[in-house]
PDB file of all heavy atoms in Angstrom:
ATOM      1  N   GLY A   1       0.768  -1.268   0.029  1.00  0.00           N
ATOM      2  CA  GLY A   1       0.036   0.033   0.024  1.00  0.00           C
ATOM      3  C   GLY A   1       0.894   1.311  -0.040  1.00  0.00           C
ATOM      4  O   GLY A   1       0.428   2.259  -0.472  1.00  0.00           O
ATOM      5  N   PHE A   2       2.007   1.139   0.556  1.00  0.00           N
ATOM      6  CA  PHE A   2       2.920   2.290   0.625  1.00  0.00           C
ATOM      7  C   PHE A   2       3.404   2.643  -0.889  1.00  0.00           C
ATOM      8  O   PHE A   2       3.470   3.809  -1.236  1.00  0.00           O
ATOM      9  CB  PHE A   2       4.185   2.049   1.476  1.00  0.00           C
ATOM     10  CG  PHE A   2       5.267   2.997   1.348  1.00  0.00           C
ATOM     11  CD1 PHE A   2       5.177   4.271   2.120  1.00  0.00           C
ATOM     12  CD2 PHE A   2       6.486   2.780   0.621  1.00  0.00           C
ATOM     13  CE1 PHE A   2       6.225   5.105   2.096  1.00  0.00           C
ATOM     14  CE2 PHE A   2       7.451   3.729   0.583  1.00  0.00           C
ATOM     15  CZ  PHE A   2       7.354   4.935   1.367  1.00  0.00           C
ATOM     16  N   TYR A   3       3.822   1.567  -1.623  1.00  0.00           N
ATOM     17  CA  TYR A   3       4.398   1.837  -2.951  1.00  0.00           C
ATOM     18  C   TYR A   3       3.126   2.081  -3.944  1.00  0.00           C
ATOM     19  O   TYR A   3       3.384   2.842  -4.933  1.00  0.00           O
ATOM     20  CB  TYR A   3       5.180   0.716  -3.389  1.00  0.00           C
ATOM     21  CG  TYR A   3       6.420   0.393  -2.566  1.00  0.00           C
ATOM     22  CD1 TYR A   3       6.469  -0.468  -1.454  1.00  0.00           C
ATOM     23  CD2 TYR A   3       7.488   1.215  -2.688  1.00  0.00           C
ATOM     24  CE1 TYR A   3       7.477  -0.659  -0.677  1.00  0.00           C
ATOM     25  CE2 TYR A   3       8.672   1.036  -1.968  1.00  0.00           C
ATOM     26  CZ  TYR A   3       8.636   0.185  -0.942  1.00  0.00           C
ATOM     27  OH  TYR A   3       9.717   0.027  -0.184  1.00  0.00           O
ATOM     28  N   TRP A   4       2.021   1.538  -3.622  1.00  0.00           N
ATOM     29  CA  TRP A   4       0.879   1.765  -4.654  1.00  0.00           C
ATOM     30  C   TRP A   4       0.089   2.945  -4.257  1.00  0.00           C
ATOM     31  O   TRP A   4      -0.864   3.187  -4.911  1.00  0.00           O
ATOM     32  CB  TRP A   4      -0.048   0.495  -4.569  1.00  0.00           C
ATOM     33  CG  TRP A   4       0.728  -0.819  -5.115  1.00  0.00           C
ATOM     34  CD1 TRP A   4       1.775  -0.864  -5.850  1.00  0.00           C
ATOM     35  CD2 TRP A   4       0.137  -2.094  -4.811  1.00  0.00           C
ATOM     36  NE1 TRP A   4       2.082  -2.155  -6.132  1.00  0.00           N
ATOM     37  CE2 TRP A   4       1.016  -2.937  -5.452  1.00  0.00           C
ATOM     38  CE3 TRP A   4      -0.831  -2.751  -4.141  1.00  0.00           C
ATOM     39  CZ2 TRP A   4       0.953  -4.301  -5.570  1.00  0.00           C
ATOM     40  CZ3 TRP A   4      -0.916  -3.946  -4.074  1.00  0.00           C
ATOM     41  CH2 TRP A   4      -0.017  -4.883  -4.733  1.00  0.00           C
ATOM     42  N   GLN A   5       0.527   3.709  -3.273  1.00  0.00           N
ATOM     43  CA  GLN A   5      -0.142   5.002  -2.738  1.00  0.00           C
ATOM     44  C   GLN A   5      -1.692   4.700  -2.556  1.00  0.00           C
ATOM     45  O   GLN A   5      -2.506   5.398  -2.956  1.00  0.00           O
ATOM     46  CB  GLN A   5       0.001   6.102  -3.863  1.00  0.00           C
ATOM     47  CG  GLN A   5       1.555   6.492  -3.980  1.00  0.00           C
ATOM     48  CD  GLN A   5       1.944   7.225  -2.835  1.00  0.00           C
ATOM     49  OE1 GLN A   5       1.257   8.190  -2.295  1.00  0.00           O
ATOM     50  NE2 GLN A   5       3.092   6.885  -2.202  1.00  0.00           N
ATOM     51  N   ILE A   6      -1.956   3.702  -1.698  1.00  0.00           N
ATOM     52  CA  ILE A   6      -3.301   3.354  -1.333  1.00  0.00           C
ATOM     53  C   ILE A   6      -3.655   4.240  -0.152  1.00  0.00           C
ATOM     54  O   ILE A   6      -2.930   3.989   0.893  1.00  0.00           O
ATOM     55  CB  ILE A   6      -3.527   1.837  -1.136  1.00  0.00           C
ATOM     56  CG1 ILE A   6      -3.212   1.192  -2.630  1.00  0.00           C
ATOM     57  CG2 ILE A   6      -4.868   1.530  -0.643  1.00  0.00           C
ATOM     58  CD1 ILE A   6      -3.308  -0.348  -2.544  1.00  0.00           C
ATOM     59  N   HIS A   7      -4.775   4.836  -0.059  1.00  0.00           N
ATOM     60  CA  HIS A   7      -5.104   5.631   1.182  1.00  0.00           C
ATOM     61  C   HIS A   7      -6.600   5.267   1.601  1.00  0.00           C
ATOM     62  O   HIS A   7      -7.267   6.084   2.328  1.00  0.00           O
ATOM     63  CB  HIS A   7      -5.088   7.073   0.840  1.00  0.00           C
ATOM     64  CG  HIS A   7      -3.586   7.608   0.526  1.00  0.00           C
ATOM     65  ND1 HIS A   7      -2.721   7.694   1.442  1.00  0.00           N
ATOM     66  CD2 HIS A   7      -3.151   7.843  -0.640  1.00  0.00           C
ATOM     67  CE1 HIS A   7      -1.531   8.165   0.871  1.00  0.00           C
ATOM     68  NE2 HIS A   7      -1.821   8.118  -0.390  1.00  0.00           N
ATOM     69  N   SER A   8      -7.050   4.138   1.163  1.00  0.00           N
ATOM     70  CA  SER A   8      -8.327   3.613   1.599  1.00  0.00           C
ATOM     71  C   SER A   8      -8.143   2.742   2.938  1.00  0.00           C
ATOM     72  O   SER A   8      -7.482   1.774   2.863  1.00  0.00           O
ATOM     73  CB  SER A   8      -9.031   2.910   0.483  1.00  0.00           C
ATOM     74  OG  SER A   8     -10.231   2.216   1.041  1.00  0.00           O
ATOM     75  N   ILE A   9      -8.952   3.077   3.865  1.00  0.00           N
ATOM     76  CA  ILE A   9      -8.842   2.299   5.110  1.00  0.00           C
ATOM     77  C   ILE A   9      -9.355   0.875   4.815  1.00  0.00           C
ATOM     78  O   ILE A   9      -8.924  -0.008   5.532  1.00  0.00           O
ATOM     79  CB  ILE A   9      -9.713   2.991   6.319  1.00  0.00           C
ATOM     80  CG1 ILE A   9      -9.586   2.223   7.579  1.00  0.00           C
ATOM     81  CG2 ILE A   9     -11.125   3.187   5.862  1.00  0.00           C
ATOM     82  CD1 ILE A   9      -8.179   2.174   8.173  1.00  0.00           C
ATOM     83  N   TRP A  10     -10.325   0.808   3.892  1.00  0.00           N
ATOM     84  CA  TRP A  10     -10.868  -0.548   3.732  1.00  0.00           C
ATOM     85  C   TRP A  10      -9.840  -1.617   3.005  1.00  0.00           C
ATOM     86  O   TRP A  10      -9.882  -2.831   3.332  1.00  0.00           O
ATOM     87  CB  TRP A  10     -12.149  -0.410   2.741  1.00  0.00           C
ATOM     88  CG  TRP A  10     -13.211   0.328   3.460  1.00  0.00           C
ATOM     89  CD1 TRP A  10     -13.651   1.535   3.031  1.00  0.00           C
ATOM     90  CD2 TRP A  10     -13.901  -0.001   4.562  1.00  0.00           C
ATOM     91  NE1 TRP A  10     -14.615   1.993   3.893  1.00  0.00           N
ATOM     92  CE2 TRP A  10     -14.773   1.029   4.797  1.00  0.00           C
ATOM     93  CE3 TRP A  10     -13.959  -1.153   5.252  1.00  0.00           C
ATOM     94  CZ2 TRP A  10     -15.656   0.966   5.918  1.00  0.00           C
ATOM     95  CZ3 TRP A  10     -14.968  -1.258   6.390  1.00  0.00           C
ATOM     96  CH2 TRP A  10     -15.651  -0.154   6.745  1.00  0.00           C
ATOM     97  N   PHE A  11      -8.909  -1.091   2.411  1.00  0.00           N
ATOM     98  CA  PHE A  11      -7.860  -1.968   1.876  1.00  0.00           C
ATOM     99  C   PHE A  11      -7.018  -2.516   3.008  1.00  0.00           C
ATOM    100  O   PHE A  11      -6.804  -3.702   3.019  1.00  0.00           O
ATOM    101  CB  PHE A  11      -6.879  -1.098   0.961  1.00  0.00           C
ATOM    102  CG  PHE A  11      -5.698  -1.956   0.449  1.00  0.00           C
ATOM    103  CD1 PHE A  11      -5.741  -2.787  -0.520  1.00  0.00           C
ATOM    104  CD2 PHE A  11      -4.493  -1.671   1.235  1.00  0.00           C
ATOM    105  CE1 PHE A  11      -4.457  -3.625  -0.894  1.00  0.00           C
ATOM    106  CE2 PHE A  11      -3.310  -2.428   0.817  1.00  0.00           C
ATOM    107  CZ  PHE A  11      -3.398  -3.287  -0.161  1.00  0.00           C
ATOM    108  N   TYR A  12      -6.635  -1.667   3.924  1.00  0.00           N
ATOM    109  CA  TYR A  12      -5.828  -2.108   5.040  1.00  0.00           C
ATOM    110  C   TYR A  12      -6.558  -3.070   6.008  1.00  0.00           C
ATOM    111  O   TYR A  12      -6.122  -3.997   6.575  1.00  0.00           O
ATOM    112  CB  TYR A  12      -5.231  -0.929   5.831  1.00  0.00           C
ATOM    113  CG  TYR A  12      -4.293  -0.211   4.928  1.00  0.00           C
ATOM    114  CD1 TYR A  12      -4.762   1.159   4.392  1.00  0.00           C
ATOM    115  CD2 TYR A  12      -3.100  -0.527   4.485  1.00  0.00           C
ATOM    116  CE1 TYR A  12      -3.979   1.829   3.534  1.00  0.00           C
ATOM    117  CE2 TYR A  12      -2.260   0.121   3.722  1.00  0.00           C
ATOM    118  CZ  TYR A  12      -2.801   1.425   3.269  1.00  0.00           C
ATOM    119  OH  TYR A  12      -1.862   2.023   2.309  1.00  0.00           O
ATOM    120  N   VAL A  13      -7.895  -2.658   6.321  1.00  0.00           N
ATOM    121  CA  VAL A  13      -8.753  -3.537   7.055  1.00  0.00           C
ATOM    122  C   VAL A  13      -8.939  -4.844   6.416  1.00  0.00           C
ATOM    123  O   VAL A  13      -8.833  -5.937   7.110  1.00  0.00           O
ATOM    124  CB  VAL A  13     -10.147  -2.872   7.368  1.00  0.00           C
ATOM    125  CG1 VAL A  13     -11.181  -3.911   7.822  1.00  0.00           C
ATOM    126  CG2 VAL A  13     -10.028  -1.712   8.240  1.00  0.00           C
ATOM    127  N   PHE A  14      -9.163  -4.985   5.219  1.00  0.00           N
ATOM    128  CA  PHE A  14      -9.290  -6.256   4.478  1.00  0.00           C
ATOM    129  C   PHE A  14      -8.010  -7.070   4.573  1.00  0.00           C
ATOM    130  O   PHE A  14      -8.140  -8.337   4.852  1.00  0.00           O
ATOM    131  CB  PHE A  14      -9.630  -6.009   2.973  1.00  0.00           C
ATOM    132  CG  PHE A  14      -9.734  -7.423   2.159  1.00  0.00           C
ATOM    133  CD1 PHE A  14     -10.891  -8.157   2.276  1.00  0.00           C
ATOM    134  CD2 PHE A  14      -8.685  -7.804   1.439  1.00  0.00           C
ATOM    135  CE1 PHE A  14     -10.827  -9.300   1.482  1.00  0.00           C
ATOM    136  CE2 PHE A  14      -8.719  -8.997   0.722  1.00  0.00           C
ATOM    137  CZ  PHE A  14      -9.804  -9.829   0.856  1.00  0.00           C
ATOM    138  N   MET A  15      -6.893  -6.426   4.461  1.00  0.00           N
ATOM    139  CA  MET A  15      -5.643  -7.159   4.518  1.00  0.00           C
ATOM    140  C   MET A  15      -5.541  -7.717   6.145  1.00  0.00           C
ATOM    141  O   MET A  15      -5.025  -8.874   6.276  1.00  0.00           O
ATOM    142  CB  MET A  15      -4.526  -6.358   4.316  1.00  0.00           C
ATOM    143  CG  MET A  15      -4.339  -5.917   2.837  1.00  0.00           C
ATOM    144  SD  MET A  15      -4.315  -7.464   1.802  1.00  0.00           S
ATOM    145  CE  MET A  15      -4.963  -6.893   0.291  1.00  0.00           C
ATOM    146  N   GLN A  16      -5.913  -7.024   6.979  1.00  0.00           N
ATOM    147  CA  GLN A  16      -5.772  -7.461   8.374  1.00  0.00           C
ATOM    148  C   GLN A  16      -6.766  -8.648   8.614  1.00  0.00           C
ATOM    149  O   GLN A  16      -6.394  -9.623   9.345  1.00  0.00           O
ATOM    150  CB  GLN A  16      -6.207  -6.271   9.254  1.00  0.00           C
ATOM    151  CG  GLN A  16      -5.050  -5.231   9.469  1.00  0.00           C
ATOM    152  CD  GLN A  16      -3.802  -5.744  10.300  1.00  0.00           C
ATOM    153  OE1 GLN A  16      -3.014  -6.427   9.732  1.00  0.00           O
ATOM    154  NE2 GLN A  16      -3.779  -5.391  11.572  1.00  0.00           N
ATOM    155  N   ILE A  17      -7.984  -8.437   8.131  1.00  0.00           N
ATOM    156  CA  ILE A  17      -8.937  -9.658   8.214  1.00  0.00           C
ATOM    157  C   ILE A  17      -8.460 -10.774   7.659  1.00  0.00           C
ATOM    158  O   ILE A  17      -8.383 -11.989   8.163  1.00  0.00           O
ATOM    159  CB  ILE A  17     -10.328  -9.124   7.765  1.00  0.00           C
ATOM    160  CG1 ILE A  17     -10.891  -8.099   8.554  1.00  0.00           C
ATOM    161  CG2 ILE A  17     -11.214 -10.357   7.583  1.00  0.00           C
ATOM    162  CD1 ILE A  17     -12.288  -7.543   7.896  1.00  0.00           C
ATOM    163  N   ALA A  18      -7.997 -10.776   6.424  1.00  0.00           N
ATOM    164  CA  ALA A  18      -7.444 -11.903   5.682  1.00  0.00           C
ATOM    165  C   ALA A  18      -6.230 -12.471   6.366  1.00  0.00           C
ATOM    166  O   ALA A  18      -6.114 -13.752   6.440  1.00  0.00           O
ATOM    167  CB  ALA A  18      -7.073 -11.611   4.356  1.00  0.00           C
ATOM    168  N   ASN A  19      -5.337 -11.568   6.932  1.00  0.00           N
ATOM    169  CA  ASN A  19      -4.085 -12.107   7.641  1.00  0.00           C
ATOM    170  C   ASN A  19      -4.526 -12.683   8.937  1.00  0.00           C
ATOM    171  O   ASN A  19      -3.981 -13.760   9.379  1.00  0.00           O
ATOM    172  CB  ASN A  19      -3.189 -10.942   7.833  1.00  0.00           C
ATOM    173  CG  ASN A  19      -1.774 -11.373   7.928  1.00  0.00           C
ATOM    174  OD1 ASN A  19      -1.462 -12.571   7.752  1.00  0.00           O
ATOM    175  ND2 ASN A  19      -0.926 -10.502   8.471  1.00  0.00           N
ATOM    176  N   GLY A  20      -5.489 -12.264   9.618  1.00  0.00           N
ATOM    177  CA  GLY A  20      -5.999 -12.894  10.814  1.00  0.00           C
ATOM    178  C   GLY A  20      -6.579 -14.148  10.645  1.00  0.00           C
ATOM    179  O   GLY A  20      -6.316 -15.197  11.382  1.00  0.00           O
ATOM    180  N   LEU A  21      -7.334 -14.438   9.489  1.00  0.00           N
ATOM    181  CA  LEU A  21      -7.746 -15.764   9.240  1.00  0.00           C
ATOM    182  C   LEU A  21      -6.655 -16.713   8.873  1.00  0.00           C
ATOM    183  O   LEU A  21      -6.711 -17.895   9.401  1.00  0.00           O
ATOM    184  CB  LEU A  21      -8.780 -15.655   8.160  1.00  0.00           C
ATOM    185  CG  LEU A  21     -10.167 -14.993   8.400  1.00  0.00           C
ATOM    186  CD1 LEU A  21     -10.873 -14.754   7.146  1.00  0.00           C
ATOM    187  CD2 LEU A  21     -11.022 -15.752   9.522  1.00  0.00           C
ATOM    188  N   VAL A  22      -5.891 -16.407   8.027  1.00  0.00           N
ATOM    189  CA  VAL A  22      -4.752 -17.408   7.582  1.00  0.00           C
ATOM    190  C   VAL A  22      -3.717 -17.605   8.719  1.00  0.00           C
ATOM    191  O   VAL A  22      -3.121 -18.694   8.784  1.00  0.00           O
ATOM    192  CB  VAL A  22      -4.066 -16.969   6.287  1.00  0.00           C
ATOM    193  CG1 VAL A  22      -5.059 -16.934   5.263  1.00  0.00           C
ATOM    194  CG2 VAL A  22      -3.383 -15.631   6.456  1.00  0.00           C
ATOM    195  N   GLN A  23      -3.541 -16.666   9.616  1.00  0.00           N
ATOM    196  CA  GLN A  23      -2.618 -16.899  10.825  1.00  0.00           C
ATOM    197  C   GLN A  23      -3.089 -17.972  11.746  1.00  0.00           C
ATOM    198  O   GLN A  23      -2.399 -18.412  12.670  1.00  0.00           O
ATOM    199  CB  GLN A  23      -2.259 -15.618  11.435  1.00  0.00           C
ATOM    200  CG  GLN A  23      -1.520 -14.574  10.708  1.00  0.00           C
ATOM    201  CD  GLN A  23      -0.146 -14.345  11.204  1.00  0.00           C
ATOM    202  OE1 GLN A  23       0.002 -14.496  12.476  1.00  0.00           O
ATOM    203  NE2 GLN A  23       0.853 -14.077  10.313  1.00  0.00           N
ATOM    204  N   THR A  24      -4.396 -18.254  11.697  1.00  0.00           N
ATOM    205  CA  THR A  24      -5.006 -19.246  12.642  1.00  0.00           C
ATOM    206  C   THR A  24      -4.376 -20.682  12.273  1.00  0.00           C
ATOM    207  O   THR A  24      -4.600 -21.567  13.080  1.00  0.00           O
ATOM    208  CB  THR A  24      -6.466 -19.285  12.499  1.00  0.00           C
ATOM    209  OG1 THR A  24      -6.962 -19.671  11.200  1.00  0.00           O
ATOM    210  CG2 THR A  24      -7.055 -17.966  12.939  1.00  0.00           C
ATOM    211  N   THR A  25      -3.829 -20.880  11.090  1.00  0.00           N
ATOM    212  CA  THR A  25      -3.293 -22.080  10.720  1.00  0.00           C
ATOM    213  C   THR A  25      -2.114 -22.539  11.589  1.00  0.00           C
ATOM    214  O   THR A  25      -1.754 -23.669  11.760  1.00  0.00           O
ATOM    215  CB  THR A  25      -2.773 -22.021   9.311  1.00  0.00           C
ATOM    216  OG1 THR A  25      -1.872 -20.962   9.097  1.00  0.00           O
ATOM    217  CG2 THR A  25      -3.964 -21.797   8.343  1.00  0.00           C
ATOM    218  N   GLY A  26      -1.385 -21.441  12.216  1.00  0.00           N
ATOM    219  CA  GLY A  26      -0.189 -21.724  12.901  1.00  0.00           C
ATOM    220  C   GLY A  26      -0.227 -22.501  14.104  1.00  0.00           C
ATOM    221  O   GLY A  26       0.280 -23.557  14.422  1.00  0.00           O
ATOM    222  N   TRP A  27      -0.988 -21.979  15.156  1.00  0.00           N
ATOM    223  CA  TRP A  27      -0.885 -22.446  16.541  1.00  0.00           C
ATOM    224  C   TRP A  27      -1.430 -23.928  16.582  1.00  0.00           C
ATOM    225  O   TRP A  27      -0.757 -24.800  17.145  1.00  0.00           O
ATOM    226  CB  TRP A  27      -1.599 -21.513  17.492  1.00  0.00           C
ATOM    227  CG  TRP A  27      -1.437 -21.911  18.947  1.00  0.00           C
ATOM    228  CD1 TRP A  27      -2.408 -22.238  19.915  1.00  0.00           C
ATOM    229  CD2 TRP A  27      -0.181 -21.999  19.569  1.00  0.00           C
ATOM    230  NE1 TRP A  27      -1.759 -22.574  21.069  1.00  0.00           N
ATOM    231  CE2 TRP A  27      -0.449 -22.434  20.895  1.00  0.00           C
ATOM    232  CE3 TRP A  27       1.068 -21.711  19.257  1.00  0.00           C
ATOM    233  CZ2 TRP A  27       0.534 -22.568  21.884  1.00  0.00           C
ATOM    234  CZ3 TRP A  27       2.140 -21.836  20.194  1.00  0.00           C
ATOM    235  CH2 TRP A  27       1.775 -22.230  21.463  1.00  0.00           C
ATOM    236  N   PRO A  28      -2.625 -24.141  16.246  1.00  0.00           N
ATOM    237  CA  PRO A  28      -3.105 -25.646  16.338  1.00  0.00           C
ATOM    238  C   PRO A  28      -2.118 -26.592  15.648  1.00  0.00           C
ATOM    239  O   PRO A  28      -1.800 -27.718  16.109  1.00  0.00           O
ATOM    240  CB  PRO A  28      -4.472 -25.641  15.567  1.00  0.00           C
ATOM    241  CG  PRO A  28      -4.906 -24.247  15.645  1.00  0.00           C
ATOM    242  CD  PRO A  28      -3.653 -23.397  15.489  1.00  0.00           C
ATOM    243  N   ALA A  29      -1.652 -26.226  14.483  1.00  0.00           N
ATOM    244  CA  ALA A  29      -0.796 -27.112  13.798  1.00  0.00           C
ATOM    245  C   ALA A  29       0.472 -27.392  14.413  1.00  0.00           C
ATOM    246  O   ALA A  29       1.031 -28.473  14.487  1.00  0.00           O
ATOM    247  CB  ALA A  29      -0.524 -26.762  12.195  1.00  0.00           C
TER     248      ALA A  29
END
């Protein structure tokens, strides 16, 4: 987002949601 000059909060929120979901793979495994 820094290099693409993205200034929409929804872009960063979506990335956080997606990252939160895929990060759940770590601990149980």
